[in-house]
Amino acid sequence: MPAPTPTFLNLWPTQMMEITLPGSDQANPLLTQFLQDLDQQAEQMTTDYLSTNLFDQGHPALMWLHQSCQRAVVDYAAQLGIDYSIDFLIQGWANINRLGDYHNLHNHPHSWLSGTYYISVPEHDSLPPGRDDRTPNCISFYDPRPQANMNAIRGDGQVDPEHRVKPVPGMLLLWPAFLHHLVHPNLSHEPRVSVSFNVVLRWKEDYLP
């Protein structure tokens, strides 16, 4: 009798999407100028992210980005295996992070997905004196299962609870809104410019499991 073949399941997956948007080379300079002008008019633009929806501005480059985000959400849902239409709103805001700016550990309540599109990211060829393990402008995501790595052994893939991404201009990231993440400090005099967004579902009976 042949030996039985075991069945392996990867339970509780946390899907993350990463894509470089075509057309970003043309759109990013336009977005940079528009957001810098907006920053001059709006006090605390980066932290006051719920007061307005950036995508309501009507700028052509923002319309391109909004359409790209919508497409990313559809692709994300398809990869999950969602085979019905979803109705959602994308609420966006701008981030202009200067020398020393960072984002503390947080998630995004009341949303289904969250994402960030990177417009300008300093290279940091040289850093001020300090620790040699710094990764400025990176974004770190953390295992949503508390202490899942406590009994991990070498090679099982769960020993490291952090997934760190070094973004580049033109990159769009999309992840479940419950996922805790933080953004490492900008250690350059050149600003880091990005657009973040939440994907909020409009309720439908189809969503019921």
N, C-alpha and C. Protein backbone atom coordinates (compact mmCIF):
# COMPACT_ATOMS: atom_id res chain seq x y z
N MET A 1 0.86 -1.20 0.00
CA MET A 1 0.00 0.00 0.00
C MET A 1 0.89 1.24 0.00
N PRO A 2 0.65 2.15 -0.94
CA PRO A 2 1.49 3.36 -0.97
C PRO A 2 1.26 4.22 0.27
N ALA A 3 2.30 4.94 0.63
CA ALA A 3 2.18 5.84 1.79
C ALA A 3 1.18 6.94 1.47
N PRO A 4 0.36 7.30 2.44
CA PRO A 4 -0.62 8.37 2.21
C PRO A 4 0.07 9.70 1.94
N THR A 5 -0.54 10.50 1.10
CA THR A 5 -0.02 11.82 0.77
C THR A 5 -0.65 12.86 1.69
N PRO A 6 0.16 13.59 2.44
CA PRO A 6 -0.43 14.58 3.36
C PRO A 6 -1.01 15.76 2.60
N THR A 7 -1.96 16.41 3.23
CA THR A 7 -2.54 17.65 2.72
C THR A 7 -2.03 18.81 3.55
N PHE A 8 -1.54 19.86 2.89
CA PHE A 8 -1.02 21.03 3.58
C PHE A 8 -1.90 22.23 3.26
N LEU A 9 -2.24 22.98 4.30
CA LEU A 9 -3.03 24.20 4.14
C LEU A 9 -2.25 25.39 4.65
N ASN A 10 -2.26 26.48 3.89
CA ASN A 10 -1.73 27.74 4.38
C ASN A 10 -2.90 28.57 4.88
N LEU A 11 -3.09 28.60 6.19
CA LEU A 11 -4.26 29.22 6.78
C LEU A 11 -4.05 30.70 7.06
N TRP A 12 -5.13 31.45 7.06
CA TRP A 12 -5.16 32.87 7.41
C TRP A 12 -4.13 33.69 6.62
N PRO A 13 -4.23 33.65 5.31
CA PRO A 13 -3.27 34.44 4.52
C PRO A 13 -3.55 35.93 4.63
N THR A 14 -2.53 36.72 4.48
CA THR A 14 -2.64 38.18 4.46
C THR A 14 -2.06 38.64 3.12
N GLN A 15 -2.93 38.97 2.21
CA GLN A 15 -2.49 39.30 0.84
C GLN A 15 -2.03 40.75 0.76
N MET A 16 -0.92 40.94 0.07
CA MET A 16 -0.40 42.28 -0.19
C MET A 16 -0.09 42.39 -1.68
N MET A 17 -0.35 43.56 -2.24
CA MET A 17 -0.14 43.78 -3.67
C MET A 17 0.90 44.86 -3.88
N GLU A 18 1.78 44.63 -4.84
CA GLU A 18 2.80 45.62 -5.21
C GLU A 18 2.85 45.70 -6.72
N ILE A 19 2.80 46.93 -7.24
CA ILE A 19 2.85 47.13 -8.69
C ILE A 19 3.49 48.47 -8.99
N THR A 20 4.26 48.52 -10.07
CA THR A 20 4.77 49.79 -10.59
C THR A 20 3.84 50.25 -11.69
N LEU A 21 3.26 51.43 -11.52
CA LEU A 21 2.24 51.90 -12.43
C LEU A 21 2.84 52.40 -13.74
N PRO A 22 2.35 51.91 -14.87
CA PRO A 22 2.80 52.48 -16.15
C PRO A 22 2.32 53.92 -16.27
N GLY A 23 3.19 54.77 -16.80
CA GLY A 23 2.86 56.18 -16.92
C GLY A 23 3.30 57.02 -15.74
N SER A 24 3.91 56.39 -14.74
CA SER A 24 4.31 57.13 -13.53
C SER A 24 5.40 58.16 -13.82
N ASP A 25 6.27 57.88 -14.78
CA ASP A 25 7.33 58.85 -15.09
C ASP A 25 6.76 60.18 -15.57
N GLN A 26 5.66 60.11 -16.30
CA GLN A 26 5.04 61.35 -16.78
C GLN A 26 4.16 61.99 -15.70
N ALA A 27 3.51 61.19 -14.90
CA ALA A 27 2.56 61.71 -13.92
C ALA A 27 3.24 62.28 -12.67
N ASN A 28 4.34 61.68 -12.25
CA ASN A 28 4.93 62.06 -10.97
C ASN A 28 5.38 63.51 -10.88
N PRO A 29 6.03 64.09 -11.92
CA PRO A 29 6.38 65.52 -11.81
C PRO A 29 5.14 66.41 -11.68
N LEU A 30 4.07 66.07 -12.37
CA LEU A 30 2.84 66.86 -12.27
C LEU A 30 2.23 66.73 -10.88
N LEU A 31 2.24 65.51 -10.33
CA LEU A 31 1.70 65.30 -8.99
C LEU A 31 2.54 66.03 -7.94
N THR A 32 3.85 66.00 -8.10
CA THR A 32 4.73 66.67 -7.14
C THR A 32 4.43 68.16 -7.09
N GLN A 33 4.34 68.80 -8.23
CA GLN A 33 4.08 70.23 -8.26
C GLN A 33 2.71 70.56 -7.68
N PHE A 34 1.71 69.79 -8.03
CA PHE A 34 0.36 70.05 -7.53
C PHE A 34 0.30 69.89 -6.01
N LEU A 35 0.91 68.84 -5.49
CA LEU A 35 0.84 68.59 -4.05
C LEU A 35 1.66 69.60 -3.27
N GLN A 36 2.78 70.03 -3.80
CA GLN A 36 3.56 71.07 -3.14
C GLN A 36 2.78 72.38 -3.09
N ASP A 37 2.08 72.71 -4.17
CA ASP A 37 1.24 73.92 -4.16
C ASP A 37 0.10 73.76 -3.15
N LEU A 38 -0.48 72.59 -3.09
CA LEU A 38 -1.57 72.34 -2.15
C LEU A 38 -1.07 72.43 -0.70
N ASP A 39 0.15 71.98 -0.48
CA ASP A 39 0.74 72.02 0.86
C ASP A 39 0.92 73.45 1.34
N GLN A 40 1.16 74.37 0.42
CA GLN A 40 1.32 75.77 0.80
C GLN A 40 0.00 76.39 1.25
N GLN A 41 -1.10 75.83 0.80
CA GLN A 41 -2.41 76.38 1.11
C GLN A 41 -3.09 75.71 2.30
N ALA A 42 -2.76 74.44 2.55
CA ALA A 42 -3.47 73.66 3.56
C ALA A 42 -2.55 73.40 4.75
N GLU A 43 -2.91 73.91 5.91
CA GLU A 43 -2.13 73.68 7.11
C GLU A 43 -2.29 72.23 7.56
N GLN A 44 -1.16 71.59 7.92
CA GLN A 44 -1.16 70.20 8.39
C GLN A 44 -1.83 69.26 7.37
N MET A 45 -1.48 69.43 6.09
CA MET A 45 -2.10 68.64 5.05
C MET A 45 -1.90 67.14 5.26
N THR A 46 -0.70 66.75 5.67
CA THR A 46 -0.38 65.33 5.78
C THR A 46 -1.14 64.67 6.92
N THR A 47 -1.30 65.34 8.05
CA THR A 47 -1.94 64.72 9.21
C THR A 47 -3.45 64.91 9.23
N ASP A 48 -3.95 65.91 8.51
CA ASP A 48 -5.40 66.18 8.48
C ASP A 48 -6.02 65.42 7.31
N TYR A 49 -5.89 64.10 7.34
CA TYR A 49 -6.20 63.32 6.15
C TYR A 49 -7.68 63.01 5.96
N LEU A 50 -8.51 63.24 6.97
CA LEU A 50 -9.92 62.91 6.86
C LEU A 50 -10.80 64.09 6.47
N SER A 51 -10.23 65.29 6.42
CA SER A 51 -11.05 66.48 6.19
C SER A 51 -11.56 66.57 4.75
N THR A 52 -10.78 66.09 3.80
CA THR A 52 -11.18 66.13 2.39
C THR A 52 -10.73 64.84 1.71
N ASN A 53 -11.18 64.66 0.49
CA ASN A 53 -10.72 63.55 -0.34
C ASN A 53 -9.88 64.12 -1.47
N LEU A 54 -8.60 63.80 -1.47
CA LEU A 54 -7.68 64.34 -2.47
C LEU A 54 -8.18 64.08 -3.89
N PHE A 55 -8.82 62.95 -4.10
CA PHE A 55 -9.24 62.57 -5.44
C PHE A 55 -10.42 63.40 -5.95
N ASP A 56 -10.97 64.26 -5.12
CA ASP A 56 -12.02 65.17 -5.56
C ASP A 56 -11.46 66.42 -6.22
N GLN A 57 -10.15 66.58 -6.23
CA GLN A 57 -9.53 67.80 -6.74
C GLN A 57 -9.69 67.98 -8.25
N GLY A 58 -9.81 66.90 -8.99
CA GLY A 58 -10.04 67.01 -10.43
C GLY A 58 -8.81 67.24 -11.27
N HIS A 59 -7.61 67.19 -10.67
CA HIS A 59 -6.38 67.35 -11.44
C HIS A 59 -6.19 66.13 -12.35
N PRO A 60 -5.76 66.33 -13.61
CA PRO A 60 -5.63 65.19 -14.53
C PRO A 60 -4.73 64.07 -14.00
N ALA A 61 -3.61 64.42 -13.37
CA ALA A 61 -2.72 63.38 -12.85
C ALA A 61 -3.37 62.64 -11.69
N LEU A 62 -4.17 63.33 -10.89
CA LEU A 62 -4.90 62.66 -9.81
C LEU A 62 -6.00 61.77 -10.37
N MET A 63 -6.61 62.18 -11.46
CA MET A 63 -7.62 61.33 -12.10
C MET A 63 -6.97 60.04 -12.60
N TRP A 64 -5.77 60.17 -13.17
CA TRP A 64 -5.01 58.98 -13.61
C TRP A 64 -4.72 58.07 -12.42
N LEU A 65 -4.27 58.66 -11.31
CA LEU A 65 -3.93 57.87 -10.14
C LEU A 65 -5.18 57.21 -9.56
N HIS A 66 -6.28 57.94 -9.51
CA HIS A 66 -7.52 57.38 -8.99
C HIS A 66 -7.96 56.16 -9.81
N GLN A 67 -7.89 56.28 -11.12
CA GLN A 67 -8.25 55.15 -11.98
C GLN A 67 -7.30 53.97 -11.76
N SER A 68 -6.02 54.27 -11.55
CA SER A 68 -5.03 53.21 -11.30
C SER A 68 -5.32 52.51 -9.98
N CYS A 69 -5.71 53.26 -8.96
CA CYS A 69 -6.06 52.67 -7.66
C CYS A 69 -7.31 51.81 -7.79
N GLN A 70 -8.29 52.29 -8.54
CA GLN A 70 -9.50 51.50 -8.75
C GLN A 70 -9.18 50.16 -9.41
N ARG A 71 -8.32 50.21 -10.42
CA ARG A 71 -7.93 48.98 -11.10
C ARG A 71 -7.19 48.04 -10.14
N ALA A 72 -6.34 48.61 -9.30
CA ALA A 72 -5.59 47.79 -8.34
C ALA A 72 -6.54 47.08 -7.38
N VAL A 73 -7.58 47.77 -6.94
CA VAL A 73 -8.55 47.16 -6.02
C VAL A 73 -9.27 45.99 -6.71
N VAL A 74 -9.66 46.18 -7.96
CA VAL A 74 -10.33 45.11 -8.70
C VAL A 74 -9.40 43.91 -8.86
N ASP A 75 -8.13 44.15 -9.20
CA ASP A 75 -7.17 43.05 -9.34
C ASP A 75 -6.92 42.36 -8.00
N TYR A 76 -6.85 43.15 -6.93
CA TYR A 76 -6.64 42.59 -5.60
C TYR A 76 -7.79 41.65 -5.24
N ALA A 77 -9.02 42.12 -5.47
CA ALA A 77 -10.18 41.31 -5.14
C ALA A 77 -10.21 40.03 -5.97
N ALA A 78 -9.87 40.12 -7.23
CA ALA A 78 -9.87 38.94 -8.09
C ALA A 78 -8.86 37.91 -7.60
N GLN A 79 -7.70 38.38 -7.15
CA GLN A 79 -6.68 37.47 -6.64
C GLN A 79 -7.15 36.76 -5.38
N LEU A 80 -7.98 37.43 -4.59
CA LEU A 80 -8.56 36.80 -3.40
C LEU A 80 -9.58 35.73 -3.75
N GLY A 81 -10.08 35.76 -4.98
CA GLY A 81 -11.11 34.83 -5.38
C GLY A 81 -12.51 35.40 -5.31
N ILE A 82 -12.63 36.72 -5.12
CA ILE A 82 -13.94 37.37 -5.09
C ILE A 82 -14.47 37.44 -6.52
N ASP A 83 -15.57 36.72 -6.78
CA ASP A 83 -16.09 36.59 -8.14
C ASP A 83 -17.38 37.37 -8.34
N TYR A 84 -17.60 38.41 -7.55
CA TYR A 84 -18.76 39.28 -7.72
C TYR A 84 -18.28 40.72 -7.64
N SER A 85 -19.10 41.64 -8.12
CA SER A 85 -18.68 43.03 -8.13
C SER A 85 -18.74 43.62 -6.73
N ILE A 86 -17.82 44.50 -6.44
CA ILE A 86 -17.81 45.21 -5.16
C ILE A 86 -17.99 46.70 -5.43
N ASP A 87 -18.65 47.35 -4.50
CA ASP A 87 -18.92 48.78 -4.63
C ASP A 87 -18.11 49.49 -3.56
N PHE A 88 -17.23 50.38 -3.97
CA PHE A 88 -16.31 50.97 -3.01
C PHE A 88 -16.02 52.43 -3.35
N LEU A 89 -15.58 53.12 -2.32
CA LEU A 89 -15.11 54.51 -2.41
C LEU A 89 -13.64 54.53 -2.07
N ILE A 90 -12.86 55.30 -2.80
CA ILE A 90 -11.44 55.49 -2.49
C ILE A 90 -11.25 56.90 -1.95
N GLN A 91 -10.81 56.98 -0.70
CA GLN A 91 -10.57 58.28 -0.05
C GLN A 91 -9.06 58.46 0.08
N GLY A 92 -8.52 59.53 -0.52
CA GLY A 92 -7.08 59.71 -0.56
C GLY A 92 -6.62 60.99 0.09
N TRP A 93 -5.35 61.01 0.45
CA TRP A 93 -4.72 62.20 1.04
C TRP A 93 -3.24 62.21 0.66
N ALA A 94 -2.65 63.38 0.71
CA ALA A 94 -1.25 63.56 0.33
C ALA A 94 -0.34 63.51 1.54
N ASN A 95 0.86 62.99 1.34
CA ASN A 95 1.90 62.99 2.36
C ASN A 95 3.14 63.69 1.81
N ILE A 96 3.55 64.75 2.47
CA ILE A 96 4.85 65.36 2.18
C ILE A 96 5.66 65.29 3.47
N ASN A 97 6.62 64.37 3.48
CA ASN A 97 7.42 64.11 4.67
C ASN A 97 8.82 64.69 4.50
N ARG A 98 9.15 65.63 5.37
CA ARG A 98 10.44 66.30 5.30
C ARG A 98 11.42 65.66 6.28
N LEU A 99 12.58 66.28 6.43
CA LEU A 99 13.63 65.74 7.29
C LEU A 99 13.09 65.42 8.67
N GLY A 100 13.23 64.18 9.09
CA GLY A 100 12.81 63.74 10.41
C GLY A 100 11.39 63.24 10.49
N ASP A 101 10.59 63.47 9.46
CA ASP A 101 9.19 63.04 9.50
C ASP A 101 9.06 61.52 9.39
N TYR A 102 8.05 60.97 10.05
CA TYR A 102 7.81 59.53 10.04
C TYR A 102 6.34 59.30 10.37
N HIS A 103 5.91 58.03 10.32
CA HIS A 103 4.55 57.66 10.71
C HIS A 103 4.63 56.53 11.73
N ASN A 104 4.01 56.73 12.89
CA ASN A 104 4.01 55.73 13.94
C ASN A 104 3.24 54.48 13.53
N LEU A 105 3.41 53.42 14.31
CA LEU A 105 2.69 52.17 14.09
C LEU A 105 1.18 52.43 14.17
N HIS A 106 0.45 51.97 13.14
CA HIS A 106 -0.98 52.21 13.10
C HIS A 106 -1.62 51.29 12.07
N ASN A 107 -2.95 51.25 12.09
CA ASN A 107 -3.71 50.65 11.01
C ASN A 107 -4.82 51.61 10.62
N HIS A 108 -5.76 51.18 9.79
CA HIS A 108 -6.77 52.09 9.25
C HIS A 108 -8.17 51.55 9.51
N PRO A 109 -8.76 51.84 10.66
CA PRO A 109 -10.10 51.33 10.98
C PRO A 109 -11.15 51.81 9.99
N HIS A 110 -12.23 51.06 9.90
CA HIS A 110 -13.42 51.38 9.10
C HIS A 110 -13.16 51.32 7.60
N SER A 111 -12.05 50.72 7.20
CA SER A 111 -11.74 50.55 5.79
C SER A 111 -11.53 49.07 5.50
N TRP A 112 -11.68 48.71 4.22
CA TRP A 112 -11.40 47.33 3.81
C TRP A 112 -9.94 47.17 3.43
N LEU A 113 -9.44 48.06 2.58
CA LEU A 113 -8.05 48.04 2.16
C LEU A 113 -7.43 49.41 2.37
N SER A 114 -6.12 49.44 2.44
CA SER A 114 -5.37 50.69 2.45
C SER A 114 -4.22 50.57 1.47
N GLY A 115 -3.73 51.72 1.02
CA GLY A 115 -2.63 51.69 0.06
C GLY A 115 -1.87 52.99 0.04
N THR A 116 -0.73 52.95 -0.62
CA THR A 116 0.11 54.14 -0.81
C THR A 116 0.73 54.09 -2.20
N TYR A 117 0.73 55.23 -2.86
CA TYR A 117 1.43 55.40 -4.12
C TYR A 117 2.58 56.36 -3.90
N TYR A 118 3.79 55.99 -4.35
CA TYR A 118 5.00 56.75 -4.09
C TYR A 118 5.36 57.61 -5.31
N ILE A 119 5.49 58.90 -5.05
CA ILE A 119 5.79 59.87 -6.10
C ILE A 119 7.27 60.24 -6.10
N SER A 120 7.82 60.50 -4.92
CA SER A 120 9.23 60.87 -4.79
C SER A 120 9.78 60.27 -3.51
N VAL A 121 10.89 59.54 -3.63
CA VAL A 121 11.51 58.89 -2.47
C VAL A 121 13.01 59.21 -2.49
N PRO A 122 13.54 59.92 -1.48
CA PRO A 122 14.98 60.23 -1.45
C PRO A 122 15.83 58.98 -1.46
N GLU A 123 16.99 59.08 -2.09
CA GLU A 123 17.89 57.94 -2.23
C GLU A 123 18.70 57.68 -0.97
N HIS A 124 19.03 58.73 -0.21
CA HIS A 124 19.84 58.59 1.01
C HIS A 124 21.20 57.94 0.72
N ASP A 125 21.94 58.54 -0.20
CA ASP A 125 23.29 58.03 -0.47
C ASP A 125 24.20 58.19 0.75
N SER A 126 23.96 59.22 1.54
CA SER A 126 24.74 59.42 2.77
C SER A 126 23.76 59.75 3.89
N LEU A 127 24.06 59.22 5.08
CA LEU A 127 23.19 59.41 6.24
C LEU A 127 23.94 60.17 7.32
N PRO A 128 23.24 60.91 8.16
CA PRO A 128 23.90 61.55 9.31
C PRO A 128 24.40 60.48 10.27
N PRO A 129 25.33 60.84 11.16
CA PRO A 129 25.86 59.84 12.09
C PRO A 129 24.74 59.18 12.89
N GLY A 130 24.92 57.89 13.16
CA GLY A 130 23.91 57.16 13.91
C GLY A 130 24.02 55.67 13.66
N ARG A 131 22.99 54.95 14.01
CA ARG A 131 22.97 53.50 13.87
C ARG A 131 23.11 53.10 12.41
N ASP A 132 23.78 51.95 12.19
CA ASP A 132 24.02 51.51 10.82
C ASP A 132 22.91 50.58 10.31
N ASP A 133 21.87 50.35 11.12
CA ASP A 133 20.78 49.48 10.68
C ASP A 133 19.53 50.28 10.30
N ARG A 134 19.67 51.58 10.13
CA ARG A 134 18.52 52.41 9.77
C ARG A 134 18.13 52.19 8.31
N THR A 135 16.84 52.23 8.04
CA THR A 135 16.34 52.09 6.67
C THR A 135 15.34 53.23 6.42
N PRO A 136 15.85 54.44 6.21
CA PRO A 136 14.96 55.59 6.05
C PRO A 136 14.00 55.43 4.88
N ASN A 137 12.78 55.92 5.12
CA ASN A 137 11.71 55.95 4.11
C ASN A 137 11.14 54.59 3.76
N CYS A 138 11.64 53.53 4.38
CA CYS A 138 11.00 52.22 4.18
C CYS A 138 9.68 52.17 4.93
N ILE A 139 8.83 51.24 4.54
CA ILE A 139 7.59 50.99 5.24
C ILE A 139 7.61 49.54 5.74
N SER A 140 7.25 49.35 7.01
CA SER A 140 7.27 48.03 7.63
C SER A 140 5.85 47.59 7.94
N PHE A 141 5.56 46.32 7.61
CA PHE A 141 4.29 45.70 7.92
C PHE A 141 4.52 44.57 8.91
N TYR A 142 3.54 44.33 9.79
CA TYR A 142 3.73 43.39 10.88
C TYR A 142 2.67 42.30 10.88
N ASP A 143 3.13 41.09 11.19
CA ASP A 143 2.27 39.92 11.26
C ASP A 143 1.04 40.23 12.12
N PRO A 144 -0.18 40.08 11.56
CA PRO A 144 -1.37 40.42 12.33
C PRO A 144 -1.71 39.42 13.43
N ARG A 145 -1.00 38.31 13.49
CA ARG A 145 -1.23 37.31 14.54
C ARG A 145 -0.26 37.60 15.69
N PRO A 146 -0.72 38.14 16.78
CA PRO A 146 0.19 38.53 17.86
C PRO A 146 1.04 37.35 18.34
N GLN A 147 2.33 37.59 18.42
CA GLN A 147 3.29 36.62 18.94
C GLN A 147 3.32 35.30 18.16
N ALA A 148 2.94 35.33 16.88
CA ALA A 148 2.96 34.10 16.09
C ALA A 148 4.37 33.55 15.92
N ASN A 149 5.38 34.40 16.11
CA ASN A 149 6.76 33.97 15.92
C ASN A 149 7.40 33.44 17.18
N MET A 150 6.68 33.38 18.29
CA MET A 150 7.31 33.06 19.58
C MET A 150 7.94 31.66 19.59
N ASN A 151 7.31 30.69 18.94
CA ASN A 151 7.83 29.33 18.93
C ASN A 151 8.41 28.94 17.57
N ALA A 152 8.66 29.94 16.72
CA ALA A 152 9.21 29.65 15.41
C ALA A 152 10.63 29.14 15.52
N ILE A 153 10.99 28.22 14.64
CA ILE A 153 12.36 27.73 14.57
C ILE A 153 12.93 28.10 13.21
N ARG A 154 14.23 28.06 13.10
CA ARG A 154 14.91 28.48 11.88
C ARG A 154 14.36 27.71 10.69
N GLY A 155 13.95 28.46 9.66
CA GLY A 155 13.50 27.85 8.42
C GLY A 155 12.01 27.71 8.26
N ASP A 156 11.21 27.99 9.31
CA ASP A 156 9.77 27.76 9.15
C ASP A 156 9.03 28.98 8.62
N GLY A 157 9.71 30.11 8.39
CA GLY A 157 9.09 31.24 7.72
C GLY A 157 8.31 32.18 8.61
N GLN A 158 8.18 31.87 9.89
CA GLN A 158 7.41 32.73 10.78
C GLN A 158 8.26 33.41 11.84
N VAL A 159 9.57 33.24 11.75
CA VAL A 159 10.43 33.78 12.79
C VAL A 159 10.49 35.30 12.74
N ASP A 160 10.31 35.89 11.57
CA ASP A 160 10.39 37.33 11.42
C ASP A 160 8.99 37.91 11.29
N PRO A 161 8.51 38.67 12.27
CA PRO A 161 7.14 39.21 12.19
C PRO A 161 7.03 40.46 11.33
N GLU A 162 8.13 40.92 10.75
CA GLU A 162 8.13 42.17 9.99
C GLU A 162 8.40 41.92 8.51
N HIS A 163 7.66 42.59 7.66
CA HIS A 163 7.94 42.64 6.22
C HIS A 163 8.23 44.08 5.87
N ARG A 164 9.45 44.36 5.39
CA ARG A 164 9.89 45.72 5.14
C ARG A 164 10.04 45.95 3.64
N VAL A 165 9.50 47.07 3.17
CA VAL A 165 9.54 47.41 1.75
C VAL A 165 10.29 48.72 1.59
N LYS A 166 11.24 48.74 0.65
CA LYS A 166 11.92 49.97 0.28
C LYS A 166 11.24 50.52 -0.97
N PRO A 167 10.38 51.52 -0.84
CA PRO A 167 9.61 51.99 -1.99
C PRO A 167 10.46 52.77 -2.98
N VAL A 168 9.98 52.80 -4.20
CA VAL A 168 10.60 53.59 -5.27
C VAL A 168 9.48 54.38 -5.96
N PRO A 169 9.81 55.48 -6.60
CA PRO A 169 8.78 56.24 -7.32
C PRO A 169 8.05 55.39 -8.34
N GLY A 170 6.74 55.54 -8.37
CA GLY A 170 5.92 54.77 -9.29
C GLY A 170 5.34 53.51 -8.69
N MET A 171 5.75 53.15 -7.47
CA MET A 171 5.27 51.94 -6.83
C MET A 171 3.95 52.20 -6.11
N LEU A 172 3.02 51.27 -6.26
CA LEU A 172 1.77 51.29 -5.51
C LEU A 172 1.69 50.04 -4.66
N LEU A 173 1.41 50.22 -3.38
CA LEU A 173 1.21 49.10 -2.46
C LEU A 173 -0.24 49.09 -2.00
N LEU A 174 -0.79 47.89 -1.84
CA LEU A 174 -2.17 47.73 -1.40
C LEU A 174 -2.22 46.57 -0.41
N TRP A 175 -2.90 46.76 0.73
CA TRP A 175 -2.90 45.75 1.78
C TRP A 175 -4.19 45.83 2.59
N PRO A 176 -4.52 44.80 3.39
CA PRO A 176 -5.70 44.86 4.24
C PRO A 176 -5.57 45.99 5.26
N ALA A 177 -6.64 46.75 5.46
CA ALA A 177 -6.56 47.93 6.30
C ALA A 177 -6.26 47.60 7.75
N PHE A 178 -6.52 46.35 8.17
CA PHE A 178 -6.25 45.99 9.57
C PHE A 178 -4.77 45.80 9.86
N LEU A 179 -3.95 45.71 8.82
CA LEU A 179 -2.54 45.37 8.99
C LEU A 179 -1.77 46.54 9.59
N HIS A 180 -1.12 46.30 10.72
CA HIS A 180 -0.33 47.36 11.35
C HIS A 180 0.95 47.61 10.54
N HIS A 181 1.29 48.89 10.41
CA HIS A 181 2.46 49.27 9.63
C HIS A 181 3.00 50.59 10.16
N LEU A 182 4.24 50.88 9.81
CA LEU A 182 4.86 52.16 10.15
C LEU A 182 5.79 52.58 9.04
N VAL A 183 6.06 53.88 8.98
CA VAL A 183 6.97 54.44 7.97
C VAL A 183 8.20 54.99 8.67
N HIS A 184 9.36 54.54 8.25
CA HIS A 184 10.62 54.94 8.86
C HIS A 184 10.93 56.41 8.54
N PRO A 185 11.69 57.08 9.40
CA PRO A 185 11.94 58.52 9.21
C PRO A 185 12.64 58.85 7.90
N ASN A 186 12.30 60.01 7.39
CA ASN A 186 13.04 60.58 6.27
C ASN A 186 14.28 61.27 6.85
N LEU A 187 15.45 60.84 6.43
CA LEU A 187 16.70 61.42 6.94
C LEU A 187 17.40 62.26 5.88
N SER A 188 16.63 62.74 4.93
CA SER A 188 17.16 63.56 3.85
C SER A 188 16.49 64.93 3.88
N HIS A 189 17.18 65.93 3.35
CA HIS A 189 16.57 67.25 3.19
C HIS A 189 15.62 67.29 2.00
N GLU A 190 15.64 66.24 1.19
CA GLU A 190 14.70 66.12 0.07
C GLU A 190 13.41 65.49 0.59
N PRO A 191 12.24 66.02 0.28
CA PRO A 191 11.00 65.46 0.83
C PRO A 191 10.64 64.12 0.19
N ARG A 192 9.96 63.32 0.98
CA ARG A 192 9.32 62.10 0.47
C ARG A 192 7.86 62.46 0.19
N VAL A 193 7.41 62.21 -1.03
CA VAL A 193 6.06 62.60 -1.44
C VAL A 193 5.30 61.35 -1.86
N SER A 194 4.12 61.19 -1.30
CA SER A 194 3.29 60.03 -1.63
C SER A 194 1.82 60.39 -1.48
N VAL A 195 0.98 59.52 -1.99
CA VAL A 195 -0.46 59.63 -1.81
C VAL A 195 -0.94 58.33 -1.17
N SER A 196 -1.58 58.44 -0.02
CA SER A 196 -2.16 57.27 0.63
C SER A 196 -3.67 57.29 0.45
N PHE A 197 -4.28 56.13 0.63
CA PHE A 197 -5.72 56.05 0.41
C PHE A 197 -6.31 54.87 1.18
N ASN A 198 -7.60 55.00 1.47
CA ASN A 198 -8.39 53.93 2.05
C ASN A 198 -9.46 53.50 1.06
N VAL A 199 -9.75 52.23 1.05
CA VAL A 199 -10.82 51.67 0.24
C VAL A 199 -11.96 51.32 1.18
N VAL A 200 -13.07 52.06 1.06
CA VAL A 200 -14.22 51.89 1.94
C VAL A 200 -15.35 51.26 1.14
N LEU A 201 -15.86 50.14 1.64
CA LEU A 201 -16.93 49.45 0.94
C LEU A 201 -18.28 50.10 1.20
N ARG A 202 -19.07 50.21 0.13
CA ARG A 202 -20.48 50.55 0.28
C ARG A 202 -21.23 49.23 0.45
N TRP A 203 -22.06 49.15 1.46
CA TRP A 203 -22.64 47.87 1.86
C TRP A 203 -23.52 47.26 0.77
N LYS A 204 -23.35 45.93 0.59
CA LYS A 204 -24.19 45.14 -0.30
C LYS A 204 -24.46 43.80 0.39
N GLU A 205 -25.62 43.22 0.15
CA GLU A 205 -25.94 41.93 0.72
C GLU A 205 -24.98 40.85 0.21
N ASP A 206 -24.38 41.07 -0.97
CA ASP A 206 -23.44 40.08 -1.53
C ASP A 206 -22.23 39.87 -0.64
N TYR A 207 -21.92 40.82 0.22
CA TYR A 207 -20.72 40.70 1.05
C TYR A 207 -20.89 39.66 2.15
N LEU A 208 -22.12 39.30 2.49
CA LEU A 208 -22.33 38.35 3.58
C LEU A 208 -21.73 36.99 3.23
N PRO A 209 -20.94 36.40 4.13
CA PRO A 209 -20.32 35.09 3.83
C PRO A 209 -21.37 34.00 3.58
